[in-house]
Amino acid sequence: MPKWLKKSLVVLITALTFGTVSPPAYLTIDDQKDDSSFGDVTNKNYSNEFIEPFEQRVSKDSFLSLATEQAELQSFEKFGSRIGPKIQDEFKDVIFPKMEQVLQDLAEEHPEEDLSNLTISENPTGGDSEKIFHIYHAVTGKDLIRFHVRKDHPPLDGYYFNFHYHTYHDEFHGHHALGSIYWAKNTPPKWLS
């Protein structure tokens, strides 16, 4: 396989997974032949010239494009096939632009060299749980921001989906509203259904 293709695949895998998944070993091993014994792994020459720290390649724009793409995917996965089609238009028009703004603010408050360490959780929770996705620091493991949706049922009214987020600035106690979407008078289905 050409060296440029290997390098491109390593960069692509690293960028798409925010550096959480290591590229396969066959992409990072140099194809140079050496005269050492066939089974001796300690003498192999591994090429690390193109595996520079990911921090140096991440810009705010690339972080934002990957983060917003993942945010939308995680949100629609959370909604499932029963809720998603009924609220997708209002979500895209009202809630998602606010979510994008919060992600942009998060990117602005972190230096570019630290953006590669920010990771989005992969699995939204189902049932009646609120979690859509969290963004956390991969090195420290600490959450930075948590995006949630709650089912509200005010007295004598129908059901609403209340979208909000929590931040590490106030130790996740504050409730920062993104907006609400009306469902109906009947009880909405469980998440991920």
C-alpha atoms as a PDB file:
ATOM      1  CA  MET A   1       0.000   0.000   0.000  1.00  0.00           C
ATOM      2  CA  PRO A   2       1.447   3.422  -0.883  1.00  0.00           C
ATOM      3  CA  LYS A   3       2.889   5.380   2.012  1.00  0.00           C
ATOM      4  CA  TRP A   4       0.717   8.445   1.304  1.00  0.00           C
ATOM      5  CA  LEU A   5      -2.431   6.303   1.507  1.00  0.00           C
ATOM      6  CA  LYS A   6      -1.362   4.836   4.856  1.00  0.00           C
ATOM      7  CA  LYS A   7      -0.693   8.305   6.218  1.00  0.00           C
ATOM      8  CA  SER A   8      -4.041   9.554   4.959  1.00  0.00           C
ATOM      9  CA  LEU A   9      -5.895   6.646   6.560  1.00  0.00           C
ATOM     10  CA  VAL A  10      -4.160   7.199   9.909  1.00  0.00           C
ATOM     11  CA  VAL A  11      -5.062  10.893   9.875  1.00  0.00           C
ATOM     12  CA  LEU A  12      -8.652  10.140   8.829  1.00  0.00           C
ATOM     13  CA  ILE A  13      -9.183   7.476  11.503  1.00  0.00           C
ATOM     14  CA  THR A  14      -7.682   9.702  14.169  1.00  0.00           C
ATOM     15  CA  ALA A  15      -9.733  12.749  13.150  1.00  0.00           C
ATOM     16  CA  LEU A  16     -13.051  10.911  12.862  1.00  0.00           C
ATOM     17  CA  THR A  17     -12.694   9.261  16.253  1.00  0.00           C
ATOM     18  CA  PHE A  18     -11.252  12.331  18.029  1.00  0.00           C
ATOM     19  CA  GLY A  19      -8.123  10.279  18.718  1.00  0.00           C
ATOM     20  CA  THR A  20      -9.948   7.722  20.879  1.00  0.00           C
ATOM     21  CA  VAL A  21      -9.316   4.807  18.503  1.00  0.00           C
ATOM     22  CA  SER A  22      -5.810   3.871  17.477  1.00  0.00           C
ATOM     23  CA  PRO A  23      -5.248   3.144  13.803  1.00  0.00           C
ATOM     24  CA  PRO A  24      -4.500  -0.501  12.976  1.00  0.00           C
ATOM     25  CA  ALA A  25      -0.862  -1.500  13.402  1.00  0.00           C
ATOM     26  CA  TYR A  26      -0.390  -2.385   9.734  1.00  0.00           C
ATOM     27  CA  LEU A  27      -0.969   1.285   8.870  1.00  0.00           C
ATOM     28  CA  THR A  28       1.721   2.518  11.250  1.00  0.00           C
ATOM     29  CA  ILE A  29       4.436  -0.050  10.511  1.00  0.00           C
ATOM     30  CA  ASP A  30       7.102   0.944   8.021  1.00  0.00           C
ATOM     31  CA  ASP A  31       7.469  -1.517   5.144  1.00  0.00           C
ATOM     32  CA  GLN A  32      11.277  -1.469   5.191  1.00  0.00           C
ATOM     33  CA  LYS A  33      12.875  -4.904   5.165  1.00  0.00           C
ATOM     34  CA  ASP A  34      15.535  -5.671   7.731  1.00  0.00           C
ATOM     35  CA  ASP A  35      17.949  -8.582   8.010  1.00  0.00           C
ATOM     36  CA  SER A  36      16.933  -9.593  11.528  1.00  0.00           C
ATOM     37  CA  SER A  37      15.278 -12.883  12.294  1.00  0.00           C
ATOM     38  CA  PHE A  38      11.709 -13.235  11.059  1.00  0.00           C
ATOM     39  CA  GLY A  39      10.094 -13.627  14.495  1.00  0.00           C
ATOM     40  CA  ASP A  40      12.112 -10.985  16.339  1.00  0.00           C
ATOM     41  CA  VAL A  41       9.674  -8.139  16.984  1.00  0.00           C
ATOM     42  CA  THR A  42      12.167  -6.056  18.981  1.00  0.00           C
ATOM     43  CA  ASN A  43      14.283  -5.297  15.901  1.00  0.00           C
ATOM     44  CA  LYS A  44      11.460  -4.106  13.659  1.00  0.00           C
ATOM     45  CA  ASN A  45      11.613  -0.506  12.531  1.00  0.00           C
ATOM     46  CA  TYR A  46       8.333   1.267  13.267  1.00  0.00           C
ATOM     47  CA  SER A  47       7.677   4.522  11.490  1.00  0.00           C
ATOM     48  CA  ASN A  48       6.345   7.273  13.728  1.00  0.00           C
ATOM     49  CA  GLU A  49       7.132  10.153  11.421  1.00  0.00           C
ATOM     50  CA  PHE A  50       3.485  10.765  10.514  1.00  0.00           C
ATOM     51  CA  ILE A  51       1.992  10.002  13.920  1.00  0.00           C
ATOM     52  CA  GLU A  52       2.638  13.419  15.333  1.00  0.00           C
ATOM     53  CA  PRO A  53       0.533  14.512  18.282  1.00  0.00           C
ATOM     54  CA  PHE A  54      -3.064  14.942  17.178  1.00  0.00           C
ATOM     55  CA  GLU A  55      -3.247  18.292  18.996  1.00  0.00           C
ATOM     56  CA  GLN A  56      -1.096  19.885  16.327  1.00  0.00           C
ATOM     57  CA  ARG A  57      -3.548  19.046  13.537  1.00  0.00           C
ATOM     58  CA  VAL A  58      -6.891  20.016  15.130  1.00  0.00           C
ATOM     59  CA  SER A  59      -8.269  23.457  14.429  1.00  0.00           C
ATOM     60  CA  LYS A  60     -11.352  24.973  15.990  1.00  0.00           C
ATOM     61  CA  ASP A  61     -13.197  24.629  12.686  1.00  0.00           C
ATOM     62  CA  SER A  62     -12.419  20.925  12.302  1.00  0.00           C
ATOM     63  CA  PHE A  63     -13.327  20.292  15.941  1.00  0.00           C
ATOM     64  CA  LEU A  64     -16.625  22.122  15.481  1.00  0.00           C
ATOM     65  CA  SER A  65     -17.532  20.276  12.292  1.00  0.00           C
ATOM     66  CA  LEU A  66     -16.841  16.885  13.866  1.00  0.00           C
ATOM     67  CA  ALA A  67     -18.553  17.816  17.147  1.00  0.00           C
ATOM     68  CA  THR A  68     -21.702  19.147  15.491  1.00  0.00           C
ATOM     69  CA  GLU A  69     -21.904  16.115  13.216  1.00  0.00           C
ATOM     70  CA  GLN A  70     -21.638  13.791  16.221  1.00  0.00           C
ATOM     71  CA  ALA A  71     -24.114  15.905  18.215  1.00  0.00           C
ATOM     72  CA  GLU A  72     -26.722  15.546  15.492  1.00  0.00           C
ATOM     73  CA  LEU A  73     -26.102  11.806  15.096  1.00  0.00           C
ATOM     74  CA  GLN A  74     -26.292  11.169  18.849  1.00  0.00           C
ATOM     75  CA  SER A  75     -29.473  13.250  19.146  1.00  0.00           C
ATOM     76  CA  PHE A  76     -31.329  11.379  16.405  1.00  0.00           C
ATOM     77  CA  GLU A  77     -30.117   8.063  17.774  1.00  0.00           C
ATOM     78  CA  LYS A  78     -31.587   9.071  21.150  1.00  0.00           C
ATOM     79  CA  PHE A  79     -34.947  10.018  19.576  1.00  0.00           C
ATOM     80  CA  GLY A  80     -35.298   6.648  17.894  1.00  0.00           C
ATOM     81  CA  SER A  81     -37.639   5.832  15.039  1.00  0.00           C
ATOM     82  CA  ARG A  82     -40.835   6.701  16.908  1.00  0.00           C
ATOM     83  CA  ILE A  83     -39.979  10.168  18.276  1.00  0.00           C
ATOM     84  CA  GLY A  84     -37.411  11.313  15.692  1.00  0.00           C
ATOM     85  CA  PRO A  85     -39.630  11.723  12.610  1.00  0.00           C
ATOM     86  CA  LYS A  86     -42.191  13.764  14.558  1.00  0.00           C
ATOM     87  CA  ILE A  87     -39.784  16.282  16.115  1.00  0.00           C
ATOM     88  CA  GLN A  88     -36.837  16.334  13.676  1.00  0.00           C
ATOM     89  CA  ASP A  89     -37.832  19.512  11.825  1.00  0.00           C
ATOM     90  CA  GLU A  90     -38.398  21.565  14.957  1.00  0.00           C
ATOM     91  CA  PHE A  91     -35.239  20.136  16.512  1.00  0.00           C
ATOM     92  CA  LYS A  92     -33.149  21.162  13.474  1.00  0.00           C
ATOM     93  CA  ASP A  93     -34.723  24.626  13.301  1.00  0.00           C
ATOM     94  CA  VAL A  94     -34.882  25.588  16.984  1.00  0.00           C
ATOM     95  CA  ILE A  95     -32.748  23.390  19.250  1.00  0.00           C
ATOM     96  CA  PHE A  96     -29.788  22.340  17.106  1.00  0.00           C
ATOM     97  CA  PRO A  97     -28.578  25.889  16.250  1.00  0.00           C
ATOM     98  CA  LYS A  98     -28.427  26.640  19.988  1.00  0.00           C
ATOM     99  CA  MET A  99     -26.557  23.390  20.557  1.00  0.00           C
ATOM    100  CA  GLU A 100     -24.066  24.386  17.857  1.00  0.00           C
ATOM    101  CA  GLN A 101     -23.551  27.748  19.569  1.00  0.00           C
ATOM    102  CA  VAL A 102     -22.800  26.035  22.887  1.00  0.00           C
ATOM    103  CA  LEU A 103     -20.267  23.782  21.129  1.00  0.00           C
ATOM    104  CA  GLN A 104     -18.689  26.836  19.520  1.00  0.00           C
ATOM    105  CA  ASP A 105     -18.432  28.563  22.912  1.00  0.00           C
ATOM    106  CA  LEU A 106     -16.802  25.425  24.322  1.00  0.00           C
ATOM    107  CA  ALA A 107     -14.251  25.413  21.484  1.00  0.00           C
ATOM    108  CA  GLU A 108     -13.517  29.099  22.052  1.00  0.00           C
ATOM    109  CA  GLU A 109     -12.727  28.623  25.734  1.00  0.00           C
ATOM    110  CA  HIS A 110     -10.221  25.820  25.095  1.00  0.00           C
ATOM    111  CA  PRO A 111      -6.842  26.325  23.436  1.00  0.00           C
ATOM    112  CA  GLU A 112      -6.471  24.635  20.046  1.00  0.00           C
ATOM    113  CA  GLU A 113      -3.812  22.242  21.321  1.00  0.00           C
ATOM    114  CA  ASP A 114      -6.330  20.900  23.861  1.00  0.00           C
ATOM    115  CA  LEU A 115      -9.236  20.385  21.434  1.00  0.00           C
ATOM    116  CA  SER A 116      -8.021  16.951  20.357  1.00  0.00           C
ATOM    117  CA  ASN A 117      -8.495  15.762  23.927  1.00  0.00           C
ATOM    118  CA  LEU A 118     -12.196  16.619  23.914  1.00  0.00           C
ATOM    119  CA  THR A 119     -14.325  13.569  23.202  1.00  0.00           C
ATOM    120  CA  ILE A 120     -18.053  12.969  22.760  1.00  0.00           C
ATOM    121  CA  SER A 121     -19.644  10.042  24.571  1.00  0.00           C
ATOM    122  CA  GLU A 122     -20.844   7.426  22.120  1.00  0.00           C
ATOM    123  CA  ASN A 123     -24.108   6.010  23.388  1.00  0.00           C
ATOM    124  CA  PRO A 124     -27.170   8.041  24.360  1.00  0.00           C
ATOM    125  CA  THR A 125     -29.260   6.458  27.091  1.00  0.00           C
ATOM    126  CA  GLY A 126     -32.665   4.943  26.472  1.00  0.00           C
ATOM    127  CA  GLY A 127     -35.807   4.511  28.498  1.00  0.00           C
ATOM    128  CA  ASP A 128     -36.653   7.636  30.474  1.00  0.00           C
ATOM    129  CA  SER A 129     -33.050   8.721  31.066  1.00  0.00           C
ATOM    130  CA  GLU A 130     -32.062  12.264  30.040  1.00  0.00           C
ATOM    131  CA  LYS A 131     -28.555  11.860  28.558  1.00  0.00           C
ATOM    132  CA  ILE A 132     -28.106  12.644  24.871  1.00  0.00           C
ATOM    133  CA  PHE A 133     -24.308  12.975  24.954  1.00  0.00           C
ATOM    134  CA  HIS A 134     -21.531  14.354  27.110  1.00  0.00           C
ATOM    135  CA  ILE A 135     -18.310  16.027  26.062  1.00  0.00           C
ATOM    136  CA  TYR A 136     -15.407  15.092  28.286  1.00  0.00           C
ATOM    137  CA  HIS A 137     -11.654  15.505  28.440  1.00  0.00           C
ATOM    138  CA  ALA A 138     -10.131  12.197  27.290  1.00  0.00           C
ATOM    139  CA  VAL A 139      -6.961  12.567  29.363  1.00  0.00           C
ATOM    140  CA  THR A 140      -8.536  13.537  32.690  1.00  0.00           C
ATOM    141  CA  GLY A 141     -11.839  11.730  32.100  1.00  0.00           C
ATOM    142  CA  LYS A 142     -13.794  14.696  33.485  1.00  0.00           C
ATOM    143  CA  ASP A 143     -17.017  15.835  31.874  1.00  0.00           C
ATOM    144  CA  LEU A 144     -17.052  19.382  30.526  1.00  0.00           C
ATOM    145  CA  ILE A 145     -20.597  19.653  29.253  1.00  0.00           C
ATOM    146  CA  ARG A 146     -23.652  17.401  29.368  1.00  0.00           C
ATOM    147  CA  PHE A 147     -26.496  17.661  26.852  1.00  0.00           C
ATOM    148  CA  HIS A 148     -29.793  16.257  28.108  1.00  0.00           C
ATOM    149  CA  VAL A 149     -33.456  16.076  27.151  1.00  0.00           C
ATOM    150  CA  ARG A 150     -36.205  15.604  29.716  1.00  0.00           C
ATOM    151  CA  LYS A 151     -39.863  14.727  29.273  1.00  0.00           C
ATOM    152  CA  ASP A 152     -41.945  17.408  31.013  1.00  0.00           C
ATOM    153  CA  HIS A 153     -45.653  17.137  31.751  1.00  0.00           C
ATOM    154  CA  PRO A 154     -47.010  20.373  33.226  1.00  0.00           C
ATOM    155  CA  PRO A 155     -50.394  20.026  34.981  1.00  0.00           C
ATOM    156  CA  LEU A 156     -53.385  20.203  32.610  1.00  0.00           C
ATOM    157  CA  ASP A 157     -51.076  20.320  29.607  1.00  0.00           C
ATOM    158  CA  GLY A 158     -49.462  17.882  27.179  1.00  0.00           C
ATOM    159  CA  TYR A 159     -45.927  16.505  27.132  1.00  0.00           C
ATOM    160  CA  TYR A 160     -42.870  18.548  26.193  1.00  0.00           C
ATOM    161  CA  PHE A 161     -39.285  17.583  25.460  1.00  0.00           C
ATOM    162  CA  ASN A 162     -37.099  19.988  27.420  1.00  0.00           C
ATOM    163  CA  PHE A 163     -33.608  20.268  25.919  1.00  0.00           C
ATOM    164  CA  HIS A 164     -30.919  21.633  28.216  1.00  0.00           C
ATOM    165  CA  TYR A 165     -27.267  21.301  29.153  1.00  0.00           C
ATOM    166  CA  HIS A 166     -25.085  21.379  32.258  1.00  0.00           C
ATOM    167  CA  THR A 167     -21.483  22.598  32.469  1.00  0.00           C
ATOM    168  CA  TYR A 168     -18.494  22.011  34.686  1.00  0.00           C
ATOM    169  CA  HIS A 169     -18.388  25.750  35.488  1.00  0.00           C
ATOM    170  CA  ASP A 170     -21.100  25.340  38.145  1.00  0.00           C
ATOM    171  CA  GLU A 171     -20.364  21.661  38.854  1.00  0.00           C
ATOM    172  CA  PHE A 172     -23.344  20.598  36.676  1.00  0.00           C
ATOM    173  CA  HIS A 173     -25.909  22.130  39.064  1.00  0.00           C
ATOM    174  CA  GLY A 174     -27.138  24.823  36.680  1.00  0.00           C
ATOM    175  CA  HIS A 175     -29.821  24.032  34.152  1.00  0.00           C
ATOM    176  CA  HIS A 176     -29.138  25.909  30.890  1.00  0.00           C
ATOM    177  CA  ALA A 177     -32.184  25.736  28.638  1.00  0.00           C
ATOM    178  CA  LEU A 178     -31.920  25.178  24.889  1.00  0.00           C
ATOM    179  CA  GLY A 179     -35.673  25.043  24.311  1.00  0.00           C
ATOM    180  CA  SER A 180     -38.721  22.800  24.426  1.00  0.00           C
ATOM    181  CA  ILE A 181     -40.639  20.885  21.779  1.00  0.00           C
ATOM    182  CA  TYR A 182     -44.294  19.997  22.296  1.00  0.00           C
ATOM    183  CA  TRP A 183     -45.125  16.316  21.846  1.00  0.00           C
ATOM    184  CA  ALA A 184     -48.859  15.744  22.442  1.00  0.00           C
ATOM    185  CA  LYS A 185     -51.357  14.979  25.203  1.00  0.00           C
ATOM    186  CA  ASN A 186     -50.493  11.274  25.108  1.00  0.00           C
ATOM    187  CA  THR A 187     -47.397   9.850  26.807  1.00  0.00           C
ATOM    188  CA  PRO A 188     -44.349   9.810  24.500  1.00  0.00           C
ATOM    189  CA  PRO A 189     -42.561   6.501  23.851  1.00  0.00           C
ATOM    190  CA  LYS A 190     -39.300   5.577  25.555  1.00  0.00           C
ATOM    191  CA  TRP A 191     -36.057   6.939  24.177  1.00  0.00           C
ATOM    192  CA  LEU A 192     -34.253   4.806  21.563  1.00  0.00           C
ATOM    193  CA  SER A 193     -37.523   3.076  20.610  1.00  0.00           C
END
